[in-house]
Amino acid sequence: MERRKQGKGLTGAIKSYFGFIPVSGAAYGTGSTYMAAFSISAAKEFVLKQTPYIFNGGDALTAVQTSIERGYQAAGPWAVLGGIAGFLIAYKCEKSLKDLLAVFSGSKK
């Protein structure tokens, strides 16, 4: 009997973590972090490494393509971290908001 209670508690905890709001926060965190990291990395690559290549007679399209490829490579790990952070922040915000509403409604003292 005791194991069933522990199992239900664990299942409830897992379900509360993977609700709509935390998953939406993870998706937003992944997307926004990926785009920010990609943009910054591609711009840095183009300005610092590819611009001198173009001025020395290199092909501009190759320089842009190389900058974009390096931006994609750098953005992947940042997107994973952004997704995890977005997930945790959204979960904590949802939990805090539910507690705050419970206090204001008078159901929790």
PDB file of N, CA and C in Angstrom:
ATOM      1  N   MET A   1       0.815  -1.187   0.000  1.00  0.00           N
ATOM      2  CA  MET A   1       0.000   0.000   0.000  1.00  0.00           C
ATOM      3  C   MET A   1       0.864   1.258   0.000  1.00  0.00           C
ATOM      4  N   GLU A   2       1.897   1.192   0.778  1.00  0.00           N
ATOM      5  CA  GLU A   2       2.798   2.341   0.861  1.00  0.00           C
ATOM      6  C   GLU A   2       3.470   2.627  -0.480  1.00  0.00           C
ATOM      7  N   ARG A   3       3.811   1.577  -1.218  1.00  0.00           N
ATOM      8  CA  ARG A   3       4.452   1.759  -2.522  1.00  0.00           C
ATOM      9  C   ARG A   3       3.511   2.411  -3.519  1.00  0.00           C
ATOM     10  N   ARG A   4       2.240   2.098  -3.458  1.00  0.00           N
ATOM     11  CA  ARG A   4       1.282   2.713  -4.377  1.00  0.00           C
ATOM     12  C   ARG A   4       1.179   4.207  -4.129  1.00  0.00           C
ATOM     13  N   LYS A   5       1.194   4.602  -2.869  1.00  0.00           N
ATOM     14  CA  LYS A   5       1.144   6.032  -2.546  1.00  0.00           C
ATOM     15  C   LYS A   5       2.401   6.731  -3.052  1.00  0.00           C
ATOM     16  N   GLN A   6       3.548   6.109  -2.882  1.00  0.00           N
ATOM     17  CA  GLN A   6       4.792   6.702  -3.369  1.00  0.00           C
ATOM     18  C   GLN A   6       4.780   6.789  -4.891  1.00  0.00           C
ATOM     19  N   GLY A   7       4.279   5.761  -5.547  1.00  0.00           N
ATOM     20  CA  GLY A   7       4.218   5.758  -7.006  1.00  0.00           C
ATOM     21  C   GLY A   7       3.299   6.828  -7.537  1.00  0.00           C
ATOM     22  N   LYS A   8       2.152   7.031  -6.903  1.00  0.00           N
ATOM     23  CA  LYS A   8       1.222   8.074  -7.341  1.00  0.00           C
ATOM     24  C   LYS A   8       1.815   9.458  -7.136  1.00  0.00           C
ATOM     25  N   GLY A   9       2.556   9.617  -6.043  1.00  0.00           N
ATOM     26  CA  GLY A   9       3.202  10.907  -5.810  1.00  0.00           C
ATOM     27  C   GLY A   9       4.255  11.210  -6.855  1.00  0.00           C
ATOM     28  N   LEU A  10       4.990  10.189  -7.231  1.00  0.00           N
ATOM     29  CA  LEU A  10       6.023  10.366  -8.246  1.00  0.00           C
ATOM     30  C   LEU A  10       5.401  10.657  -9.611  1.00  0.00           C
ATOM     31  N   THR A  11       4.331   9.947  -9.940  1.00  0.00           N
ATOM     32  CA  THR A  11       3.648  10.175 -11.206  1.00  0.00           C
ATOM     33  C   THR A  11       3.062  11.580 -11.258  1.00  0.00           C
ATOM     34  N   GLY A  12       2.504  12.012 -10.163  1.00  0.00           N
ATOM     35  CA  GLY A  12       1.951  13.373 -10.106  1.00  0.00           C
ATOM     36  C   GLY A  12       3.031  14.433 -10.266  1.00  0.00           C
ATOM     37  N   ALA A  13       4.185  14.174  -9.655  1.00  0.00           N
ATOM     38  CA  ALA A  13       5.286  15.130  -9.778  1.00  0.00           C
ATOM     39  C   ALA A  13       5.791  15.204 -11.211  1.00  0.00           C
ATOM     40  N   ILE A  14       5.880  14.060 -11.850  1.00  0.00           N
ATOM     41  CA  ILE A  14       6.335  14.041 -13.246  1.00  0.00           C
ATOM     42  C   ILE A  14       5.323  14.733 -14.147  1.00  0.00           C
ATOM     43  N   LYS A  15       4.037  14.485 -13.910  1.00  0.00           N
ATOM     44  CA  LYS A  15       3.001  15.141 -14.718  1.00  0.00           C
ATOM     45  C   LYS A  15       2.998  16.640 -14.505  1.00  0.00           C
ATOM     46  N   SER A  16       3.266  17.098 -13.286  1.00  0.00           N
ATOM     47  CA  SER A  16       3.268  18.538 -13.041  1.00  0.00           C
ATOM     48  C   SER A  16       4.461  19.209 -13.726  1.00  0.00           C
ATOM     49  N   TYR A  17       5.566  18.491 -13.848  1.00  0.00           N
ATOM     50  CA  TYR A  17       6.719  19.058 -14.546  1.00  0.00           C
ATOM     51  C   TYR A  17       6.465  19.180 -16.043  1.00  0.00           C
ATOM     52  N   PHE A  18       5.773  18.232 -16.631  1.00  0.00           N
ATOM     53  CA  PHE A  18       5.604  18.222 -18.076  1.00  0.00           C
ATOM     54  C   PHE A  18       4.208  18.676 -18.495  1.00  0.00           C
ATOM     55  N   GLY A  19       3.743  19.741 -17.895  1.00  0.00           N
ATOM     56  CA  GLY A  19       2.478  20.335 -18.291  1.00  0.00           C
ATOM     57  C   GLY A  19       2.667  21.254 -19.493  1.00  0.00           C
ATOM     58  N   PHE A  20       1.595  21.936 -19.854  1.00  0.00           N
ATOM     59  CA  PHE A  20       1.632  22.806 -21.024  1.00  0.00           C
ATOM     60  C   PHE A  20       2.567  24.005 -20.825  1.00  0.00           C
ATOM     61  N   ILE A  21       2.502  24.625 -19.670  1.00  0.00           N
ATOM     62  CA  ILE A  21       3.286  25.848 -19.442  1.00  0.00           C
ATOM     63  C   ILE A  21       4.789  25.567 -19.402  1.00  0.00           C
ATOM     64  N   PRO A  22       5.285  24.572 -18.663  1.00  0.00           N
ATOM     65  CA  PRO A  22       6.728  24.311 -18.708  1.00  0.00           C
ATOM     66  C   PRO A  22       7.241  23.900 -20.088  1.00  0.00           C
ATOM     67  N   VAL A  23       6.462  23.116 -20.801  1.00  0.00           N
ATOM     68  CA  VAL A  23       6.893  22.704 -22.146  1.00  0.00           C
ATOM     69  C   VAL A  23       6.891  23.899 -23.097  1.00  0.00           C
ATOM     70  N   SER A  24       5.906  24.779 -22.949  1.00  0.00           N
ATOM     71  CA  SER A  24       5.885  25.998 -23.765  1.00  0.00           C
ATOM     72  C   SER A  24       7.077  26.892 -23.434  1.00  0.00           C
ATOM     73  N   GLY A  25       7.419  26.970 -22.157  1.00  0.00           N
ATOM     74  CA  GLY A  25       8.597  27.741 -21.750  1.00  0.00           C
ATOM     75  C   GLY A  25       9.879  27.166 -22.325  1.00  0.00           C
ATOM     76  N   ALA A  26       9.960  25.850 -22.374  1.00  0.00           N
ATOM     77  CA  ALA A  26      11.133  25.206 -22.965  1.00  0.00           C
ATOM     78  C   ALA A  26      11.228  25.499 -24.457  1.00  0.00           C
ATOM     79  N   ALA A  27      10.083  25.458 -25.143  1.00  0.00           N
ATOM     80  CA  ALA A  27      10.089  25.746 -26.581  1.00  0.00           C
ATOM     81  C   ALA A  27      10.486  27.188 -26.841  1.00  0.00           C
ATOM     82  N   TYR A  28       9.949  28.109 -26.062  1.00  0.00           N
ATOM     83  CA  TYR A  28      10.303  29.520 -26.231  1.00  0.00           C
ATOM     84  C   TYR A  28      11.775  29.755 -25.906  1.00  0.00           C
ATOM     85  N   GLY A  29      12.255  29.141 -24.826  1.00  0.00           N
ATOM     86  CA  GLY A  29      13.662  29.307 -24.450  1.00  0.00           C
ATOM     87  C   GLY A  29      14.597  28.748 -25.497  1.00  0.00           C
ATOM     88  N   THR A  30      14.235  27.603 -26.079  1.00  0.00           N
ATOM     89  CA  THR A  30      15.067  27.004 -27.119  1.00  0.00           C
ATOM     90  C   THR A  30      15.118  27.895 -28.355  1.00  0.00           C
ATOM     91  N   GLY A  31      13.966  28.330 -28.806  1.00  0.00           N
ATOM     92  CA  GLY A  31      13.905  29.135 -30.025  1.00  0.00           C
ATOM     93  C   GLY A  31      14.591  30.475 -29.884  1.00  0.00           C
ATOM     94  N   SER A  32      14.309  31.162 -28.800  1.00  0.00           N
ATOM     95  CA  SER A  32      14.900  32.492 -28.632  1.00  0.00           C
ATOM     96  C   SER A  32      16.406  32.420 -28.419  1.00  0.00           C
ATOM     97  N   THR A  33      16.864  31.440 -27.647  1.00  0.00           N
ATOM     98  CA  THR A  33      18.302  31.295 -27.425  1.00  0.00           C
ATOM     99  C   THR A  33      19.019  30.872 -28.695  1.00  0.00           C
ATOM    100  N   TYR A  34      18.401  29.982 -29.461  1.00  0.00           N
ATOM    101  CA  TYR A  34      19.015  29.527 -30.706  1.00  0.00           C
ATOM    102  C   TYR A  34      19.178  30.698 -31.677  1.00  0.00           C
ATOM    103  N   MET A  35      18.126  31.493 -31.838  1.00  0.00           N
ATOM    104  CA  MET A  35      18.203  32.618 -32.781  1.00  0.00           C
ATOM    105  C   MET A  35      19.205  33.668 -32.319  1.00  0.00           C
ATOM    106  N   ALA A  36      19.230  33.945 -31.024  1.00  0.00           N
ATOM    107  CA  ALA A  36      20.185  34.928 -30.506  1.00  0.00           C
ATOM    108  C   ALA A  36      21.625  34.443 -30.676  1.00  0.00           C
ATOM    109  N   ALA A  37      21.875  33.188 -30.313  1.00  0.00           N
ATOM    110  CA  ALA A  37      23.234  32.646 -30.434  1.00  0.00           C
ATOM    111  C   ALA A  37      23.656  32.557 -31.893  1.00  0.00           C
ATOM    112  N   PHE A  38      22.734  32.149 -32.764  1.00  0.00           N
ATOM    113  CA  PHE A  38      23.050  32.071 -34.187  1.00  0.00           C
ATOM    114  C   PHE A  38      23.379  33.448 -34.743  1.00  0.00           C
ATOM    115  N   SER A  39      22.561  34.439 -34.452  1.00  0.00           N
ATOM    116  CA  SER A  39      22.775  35.789 -34.984  1.00  0.00           C
ATOM    117  C   SER A  39      24.093  36.377 -34.511  1.00  0.00           C
ATOM    118  N   ILE A  40      24.351  36.253 -33.226  1.00  0.00           N
ATOM    119  CA  ILE A  40      25.584  36.816 -32.674  1.00  0.00           C
ATOM    120  C   ILE A  40      26.806  36.090 -33.229  1.00  0.00           C
ATOM    121  N   SER A  41      26.754  34.787 -33.289  1.00  0.00           N
ATOM    122  CA  SER A  41      27.892  34.011 -33.771  1.00  0.00           C
ATOM    123  C   SER A  41      28.161  34.249 -35.257  1.00  0.00           C
ATOM    124  N   ALA A  42      27.101  34.285 -36.052  1.00  0.00           N
ATOM    125  CA  ALA A  42      27.285  34.522 -37.486  1.00  0.00           C
ATOM    126  C   ALA A  42      27.811  35.927 -37.749  1.00  0.00           C
ATOM    127  N   ALA A  43      27.293  36.913 -37.033  1.00  0.00           N
ATOM    128  CA  ALA A  43      27.771  38.289 -37.216  1.00  0.00           C
ATOM    129  C   ALA A  43      29.228  38.430 -36.786  1.00  0.00           C
ATOM    130  N   LYS A  44      29.589  37.814 -35.662  1.00  0.00           N
ATOM    131  CA  LYS A  44      30.975  37.862 -35.190  1.00  0.00           C
ATOM    132  C   LYS A  44      31.915  37.194 -36.196  1.00  0.00           C
ATOM    133  N   GLU A  45      31.519  36.044 -36.695  1.00  0.00           N
ATOM    134  CA  GLU A  45      32.335  35.326 -37.684  1.00  0.00           C
ATOM    135  C   GLU A  45      32.512  36.165 -38.944  1.00  0.00           C
ATOM    136  N   PHE A  46      31.431  36.773 -39.400  1.00  0.00           N
ATOM    137  CA  PHE A  46      31.514  37.550 -40.634  1.00  0.00           C
ATOM    138  C   PHE A  46      32.391  38.786 -40.457  1.00  0.00           C
ATOM    139  N   VAL A  47      32.196  39.503 -39.365  1.00  0.00           N
ATOM    140  CA  VAL A  47      32.951  40.745 -39.162  1.00  0.00           C
ATOM    141  C   VAL A  47      34.423  40.469 -38.891  1.00  0.00           C
ATOM    142  N   LEU A  48      34.711  39.515 -38.019  1.00  0.00           N
ATOM    143  CA  LEU A  48      36.104  39.312 -37.610  1.00  0.00           C
ATOM    144  C   LEU A  48      36.930  38.469 -38.573  1.00  0.00           C
ATOM    145  N   LYS A  49      36.310  37.483 -39.240  1.00  0.00           N
ATOM    146  CA  LYS A  49      37.099  36.576 -40.061  1.00  0.00           C
ATOM    147  C   LYS A  49      36.818  36.673 -41.551  1.00  0.00           C
ATOM    148  N   GLN A  50      35.565  36.883 -41.901  1.00  0.00           N
ATOM    149  CA  GLN A  50      35.231  36.834 -43.324  1.00  0.00           C
ATOM    150  C   GLN A  50      35.390  38.177 -44.034  1.00  0.00           C
ATOM    151  N   THR A  51      35.255  39.279 -43.318  1.00  0.00           N
ATOM    152  CA  THR A  51      35.446  40.584 -43.959  1.00  0.00           C
ATOM    153  C   THR A  51      36.872  40.751 -44.476  1.00  0.00           C
ATOM    154  N   PRO A  52      37.912  40.419 -43.702  1.00  0.00           N
ATOM    155  CA  PRO A  52      39.260  40.485 -44.272  1.00  0.00           C
ATOM    156  C   PRO A  52      39.451  39.545 -45.469  1.00  0.00           C
ATOM    157  N   TYR A  53      38.771  38.402 -45.440  1.00  0.00           N
ATOM    158  CA  TYR A  53      38.827  37.464 -46.562  1.00  0.00           C
ATOM    159  C   TYR A  53      38.250  38.108 -47.825  1.00  0.00           C
ATOM    160  N   ILE A  54      37.148  38.833 -47.685  1.00  0.00           N
ATOM    161  CA  ILE A  54      36.532  39.505 -48.839  1.00  0.00           C
ATOM    162  C   ILE A  54      37.432  40.620 -49.342  1.00  0.00           C
ATOM    163  N   PHE A  55      38.018  41.399 -48.424  1.00  0.00           N
ATOM    164  CA  PHE A  55      38.887  42.506 -48.834  1.00  0.00           C
ATOM    165  C   PHE A  55      40.165  42.029 -49.509  1.00  0.00           C
ATOM    166  N   ASN A  56      40.580  40.809 -49.226  1.00  0.00           N
ATOM    167  CA  ASN A  56      41.766  40.250 -49.873  1.00  0.00           C
ATOM    168  C   ASN A  56      41.434  39.525 -51.172  1.00  0.00           C
ATOM    169  N   GLY A  57      40.233  39.735 -51.684  1.00  0.00           N
ATOM    170  CA  GLY A  57      39.875  39.169 -52.982  1.00  0.00           C
ATOM    171  C   GLY A  57      39.094  37.873 -52.917  1.00  0.00           C
ATOM    172  N   GLY A  58      38.582  37.507 -51.759  1.00  0.00           N
ATOM    173  CA  GLY A  58      37.815  36.267 -51.619  1.00  0.00           C
ATOM    174  C   GLY A  58      36.380  36.438 -52.110  1.00  0.00           C
ATOM    175  N   ASP A  59      35.713  35.329 -52.283  1.00  0.00           N
ATOM    176  CA  ASP A  59      34.340  35.325 -52.760  1.00  0.00           C
ATOM    177  C   ASP A  59      33.389  35.707 -51.621  1.00  0.00           C
ATOM    178  N   ALA A  60      32.505  36.668 -51.858  1.00  0.00           N
ATOM    179  CA  ALA A  60      31.596  37.157 -50.828  1.00  0.00           C
ATOM    180  C   ALA A  60      30.547  36.099 -50.462  1.00  0.00           C
ATOM    181  N   LEU A  61      30.055  35.353 -51.439  1.00  0.00           N
ATOM    182  CA  LEU A  61      29.050  34.345 -51.139  1.00  0.00           C
ATOM    183  C   LEU A  61      29.621  33.206 -50.294  1.00  0.00           C
ATOM    184  N   THR A  62      30.857  32.836 -50.564  1.00  0.00           N
ATOM    185  CA  THR A  62      31.515  31.819 -49.747  1.00  0.00           C
ATOM    186  C   THR A  62      31.697  32.318 -48.317  1.00  0.00           C
ATOM    187  N   ALA A  63      32.030  33.591 -48.182  1.00  0.00           N
ATOM    188  CA  ALA A  63      32.203  34.170 -46.850  1.00  0.00           C
ATOM    189  C   ALA A  63      30.891  34.170 -46.072  1.00  0.00           C
ATOM    190  N   VAL A  64      29.790  34.530 -46.724  1.00  0.00           N
ATOM    191  CA  VAL A  64      28.487  34.524 -46.057  1.00  0.00           C
ATOM    192  C   VAL A  64      28.079  33.097 -45.683  1.00  0.00           C
ATOM    193  N   GLN A  65      28.287  32.166 -46.603  1.00  0.00           N
ATOM    194  CA  GLN A  65      27.935  30.771 -46.334  1.00  0.00           C
ATOM    195  C   GLN A  65      28.740  30.219 -45.167  1.00  0.00           C
ATOM    196  N   THR A  66      30.016  30.519 -45.108  1.00  0.00           N
ATOM    197  CA  THR A  66      30.861  30.060 -44.008  1.00  0.00           C
ATOM    198  C   THR A  66      30.404  30.664 -42.688  1.00  0.00           C
ATOM    199  N   SER A  67      30.034  31.935 -42.708  1.00  0.00           N
ATOM    200  CA  SER A  67      29.549  32.588 -41.489  1.00  0.00           C
ATOM    201  C   SER A  67      28.270  31.937 -40.995  1.00  0.00           C
ATOM    202  N   ILE A  68      27.362  31.627 -41.901  1.00  0.00           N
ATOM    203  CA  ILE A  68      26.100  30.991 -41.521  1.00  0.00           C
ATOM    204  C   ILE A  68      26.340  29.589 -40.963  1.00  0.00           C
ATOM    205  N   GLU A  69      27.230  28.829 -41.589  1.00  0.00           N
ATOM    206  CA  GLU A  69      27.536  27.480 -41.098  1.00  0.00           C
ATOM    207  C   GLU A  69      28.137  27.512 -39.699  1.00  0.00           C
ATOM    208  N   ARG A  70      29.041  28.443 -39.465  1.00  0.00           N
ATOM    209  CA  ARG A  70      29.649  28.559 -38.136  1.00  0.00           C
ATOM    210  C   ARG A  70      28.623  29.034 -37.108  1.00  0.00           C
ATOM    211  N   GLY A  71      27.691  29.871 -37.542  1.00  0.00           N
ATOM    212  CA  GLY A  71      26.622  30.307 -36.641  1.00  0.00           C
ATOM    213  C   GLY A  71      25.744  29.148 -36.207  1.00  0.00           C
ATOM    214  N   TYR A  72      25.396  28.268 -37.159  1.00  0.00           N
ATOM    215  CA  TYR A  72      24.603  27.080 -36.829  1.00  0.00           C
ATOM    216  C   TYR A  72      25.344  26.162 -35.863  1.00  0.00           C
ATOM    217  N   GLN A  73      26.630  25.987 -36.079  1.00  0.00           N
ATOM    218  CA  GLN A  73      27.415  25.109 -35.210  1.00  0.00           C
ATOM    219  C   GLN A  73      27.481  25.644 -33.783  1.00  0.00           C
ATOM    220  N   ALA A  74      27.602  26.943 -33.642  1.00  0.00           N
ATOM    221  CA  ALA A  74      27.723  27.529 -32.303  1.00  0.00           C
ATOM    222  C   ALA A  74      26.378  27.621 -31.588  1.00  0.00           C
ATOM    223  N   ALA A  75      25.288  27.693 -32.328  1.00  0.00           N
ATOM    224  CA  ALA A  75      23.982  27.919 -31.706  1.00  0.00           C
ATOM    225  C   ALA A  75      23.384  26.666 -31.078  1.00  0.00           C
ATOM    226  N   GLY A  76      23.754  25.483 -31.538  1.00  0.00           N
ATOM    227  CA  GLY A  76      23.158  24.253 -31.028  1.00  0.00           C
ATOM    228  C   GLY A  76      23.291  24.048 -29.533  1.00  0.00           C
ATOM    229  N   PRO A  77      24.506  24.094 -28.983  1.00  0.00           N
ATOM    230  CA  PRO A  77      24.644  23.902 -27.530  1.00  0.00           C
ATOM    231  C   PRO A  77      23.929  24.984 -26.713  1.00  0.00           C
ATOM    232  N   TRP A  78      23.923  26.198 -27.214  1.00  0.00           N
ATOM    233  CA  TRP A  78      23.223  27.273 -26.505  1.00  0.00           C
ATOM    234  C   TRP A  78      21.721  27.040 -26.502  1.00  0.00           C
ATOM    235  N   ALA A  79      21.190  26.469 -27.577  1.00  0.00           N
ATOM    236  CA  ALA A  79      19.753  26.202 -27.644  1.00  0.00           C
ATOM    237  C   ALA A  79      19.337  25.177 -26.600  1.00  0.00           C
ATOM    238  N   VAL A  80      20.158  24.181 -26.369  1.00  0.00           N
ATOM    239  CA  VAL A  80      19.851  23.175 -25.353  1.00  0.00           C
ATOM    240  C   VAL A  80      19.801  23.832 -23.971  1.00  0.00           C
ATOM    241  N   LEU A  81      20.784  24.659 -23.671  1.00  0.00           N
ATOM    242  CA  LEU A  81      20.794  25.345 -22.376  1.00  0.00           C
ATOM    243  C   LEU A  81      19.606  26.287 -22.234  1.00  0.00           C
ATOM    244  N   GLY A  82      19.265  26.977 -23.311  1.00  0.00           N
ATOM    245  CA  GLY A  82      18.109  27.876 -23.282  1.00  0.00           C
ATOM    246  C   GLY A  82      16.808  27.128 -23.075  1.00  0.00           C
ATOM    247  N   GLY A  83      16.693  25.954 -23.664  1.00  0.00           N
ATOM    248  CA  GLY A  83      15.498  25.144 -23.473  1.00  0.00           C
ATOM    249  C   GLY A  83      15.344  24.679 -22.040  1.00  0.00           C
ATOM    250  N   ILE A  84      16.436  24.240 -21.448  1.00  0.00           N
ATOM    251  CA  ILE A  84      16.385  23.798 -20.048  1.00  0.00           C
ATOM    252  C   ILE A  84      16.047  24.969 -19.133  1.00  0.00           C
ATOM    253  N   ALA A  85      16.685  26.104 -19.376  1.00  0.00           N
ATOM    254  CA  ALA A  85      16.405  27.285 -18.550  1.00  0.00           C
ATOM    255  C   ALA A  85      14.959  27.748 -18.721  1.00  0.00           C
ATOM    256  N   GLY A  86      14.459  27.773 -19.945  1.00  0.00           N
ATOM    257  CA  GLY A  86      13.074  28.169 -20.175  1.00  0.00           C
ATOM    258  C   GLY A  86      12.094  27.233 -19.499  1.00  0.00           C
ATOM    259  N   PHE A  87      12.391  25.948 -19.529  1.00  0.00           N
ATOM    260  CA  PHE A  87      11.547  24.948 -18.875  1.00  0.00           C
ATOM    261  C   PHE A  87      11.478  25.193 -17.377  1.00  0.00           C
ATOM    262  N   LEU A  88      12.636  25.366 -16.746  1.00  0.00           N
ATOM    263  CA  LEU A  88      12.673  25.540 -15.298  1.00  0.00           C
ATOM    264  C   LEU A  88      12.060  26.866 -14.864  1.00  0.00           C
ATOM    265  N   ILE A  89      12.325  27.927 -15.604  1.00  0.00           N
ATOM    266  CA  ILE A  89      11.752  29.227 -15.261  1.00  0.00           C
ATOM    267  C   ILE A  89      10.233  29.198 -15.393  1.00  0.00           C
ATOM    268  N   ALA A  90       9.728  28.624 -16.464  1.00  0.00           N
ATOM    269  CA  ALA A  90       8.277  28.548 -16.644  1.00  0.00           C
ATOM    270  C   ALA A  90       7.633  27.688 -15.563  1.00  0.00           C
ATOM    271  N   TYR A  91       8.275  26.601 -15.186  1.00  0.00           N
ATOM    272  CA  TYR A  91       7.728  25.746 -14.126  1.00  0.00           C
ATOM    273  C   TYR A  91       7.669  26.498 -12.804  1.00  0.00           C
ATOM    274  N   LYS A  92       8.747  27.186 -12.459  1.00  0.00           N
ATOM    275  CA  LYS A  92       8.776  27.935 -11.202  1.00  0.00           C
ATOM    276  C   LYS A  92       7.756  29.073 -11.213  1.00  0.00           C
ATOM    277  N   CYS A  93       7.618  29.758 -12.341  1.00  0.00           N
ATOM    278  CA  CYS A  93       6.637  30.843 -12.440  1.00  0.00           C
ATOM    279  C   CYS A  93       5.217  30.309 -12.299  1.00  0.00           C
ATOM    280  N   GLU A  94       4.932  29.183 -12.936  1.00  0.00           N
ATOM    281  CA  GLU A  94       3.605  28.584 -12.830  1.00  0.00           C
ATOM    282  C   GLU A  94       3.309  28.200 -11.385  1.00  0.00           C
ATOM    283  N   LYS A  95       4.266  27.581 -10.733  1.00  0.00           N
ATOM    284  CA  LYS A  95       4.086  27.148  -9.350  1.00  0.00           C
ATOM    285  C   LYS A  95       3.891  28.353  -8.425  1.00  0.00           C
ATOM    286  N   SER A  96       4.701  29.395  -8.610  1.00  0.00           N
ATOM    287  CA  SER A  96       4.587  30.593  -7.776  1.00  0.00           C
ATOM    288  C   SER A  96       3.256  31.295  -8.007  1.00  0.00           C
ATOM    289  N   LEU A  97       2.824  31.363  -9.251  1.00  0.00           N
ATOM    290  CA  LEU A  97       1.556  32.016  -9.562  1.00  0.00           C
ATOM    291  C   LEU A  97       0.378  31.240  -8.966  1.00  0.00           C
ATOM    292  N   LYS A  98       0.429  29.927  -9.031  1.00  0.00           N
ATOM    293  CA  LYS A  98      -0.634  29.113  -8.420  1.00  0.00           C
ATOM    294  C   LYS A  98      -0.667  29.319  -6.912  1.00  0.00           C
ATOM    295  N   ASP A  99       0.497  29.367  -6.266  1.00  0.00           N
ATOM    296  CA  ASP A  99       0.549  29.602  -4.826  1.00  0.00           C
ATOM    297  C   ASP A  99       0.022  30.992  -4.477  1.00  0.00           C
ATOM    298  N   LEU A 100       0.380  31.977  -5.270  1.00  0.00           N
ATOM    299  CA  LEU A 100      -0.067  33.348  -5.033  1.00  0.00           C
ATOM    300  C   LEU A 100      -1.588  33.458  -5.184  1.00  0.00           C
ATOM    301  N   LEU A 101      -2.121  32.840  -6.207  1.00  0.00           N
ATOM    302  CA  LEU A 101      -3.576  32.863  -6.403  1.00  0.00           C
ATOM    303  C   LEU A 101      -4.301  32.099  -5.294  1.00  0.00           C
ATOM    304  N   ALA A 102      -3.699  31.037  -4.801  1.00  0.00           N
ATOM    305  CA  ALA A 102      -4.299  30.287  -3.703  1.00  0.00           C
ATOM    306  C   ALA A 102      -4.325  31.145  -2.427  1.00  0.00           C
ATOM    307  N   VAL A 103      -3.286  31.935  -2.194  1.00  0.00           N
ATOM    308  CA  VAL A 103      -3.255  32.799  -1.021  1.00  0.00           C
ATOM    309  C   VAL A 103      -4.324  33.883  -1.147  1.00  0.00           C
ATOM    310  N   PHE A 104      -4.442  34.487  -2.319  1.00  0.00           N
ATOM    311  CA  PHE A 104      -5.419  35.554  -2.517  1.00  0.00           C
ATOM    312  C   PHE A 104      -6.859  35.032  -2.477  1.00  0.00           C
ATOM    313  N   SER A 105      -7.072  33.818  -2.902  1.00  0.00           N
ATOM    314  CA  SER A 105      -8.415  33.269  -2.888  1.00  0.00           C
ATOM    315  C   SER A 105      -8.821  32.781  -1.498  1.00  0.00           C
ATOM    316  N   GLY A 106      -7.857  32.640  -0.613  1.00  0.00           N
ATOM    317  CA  GLY A 106      -8.140  32.258   0.760  1.00  0.00           C
ATOM    318  C   GLY A 106      -8.114  30.769   1.012  1.00  0.00           C
ATOM    319  N   SER A 107      -7.723  29.997   0.010  1.00  0.00           N
ATOM    320  CA  SER A 107      -7.700  28.551   0.197  1.00  0.00           C
ATOM    321  C   SER A 107      -6.437  28.083   0.910  1.00  0.00           C
ATOM    322  N   LYS A 108      -5.434  28.939   0.957  1.00  0.00           N
ATOM    323  CA  LYS A 108      -4.178  28.600   1.635  1.00  0.00           C
ATOM    324  C   LYS A 108      -3.858  29.692   2.645  1.00  0.00           C
ATOM    325  N   LYS A 109      -3.507  29.319   3.855  1.00  0.00           N
ATOM    326  CA  LYS A 109      -3.220  30.345   4.873  1.00  0.00           C
ATOM    327  C   LYS A 109      -1.832  30.227   5.380  1.00  0.00           C
TER     328      LYS A 109
END
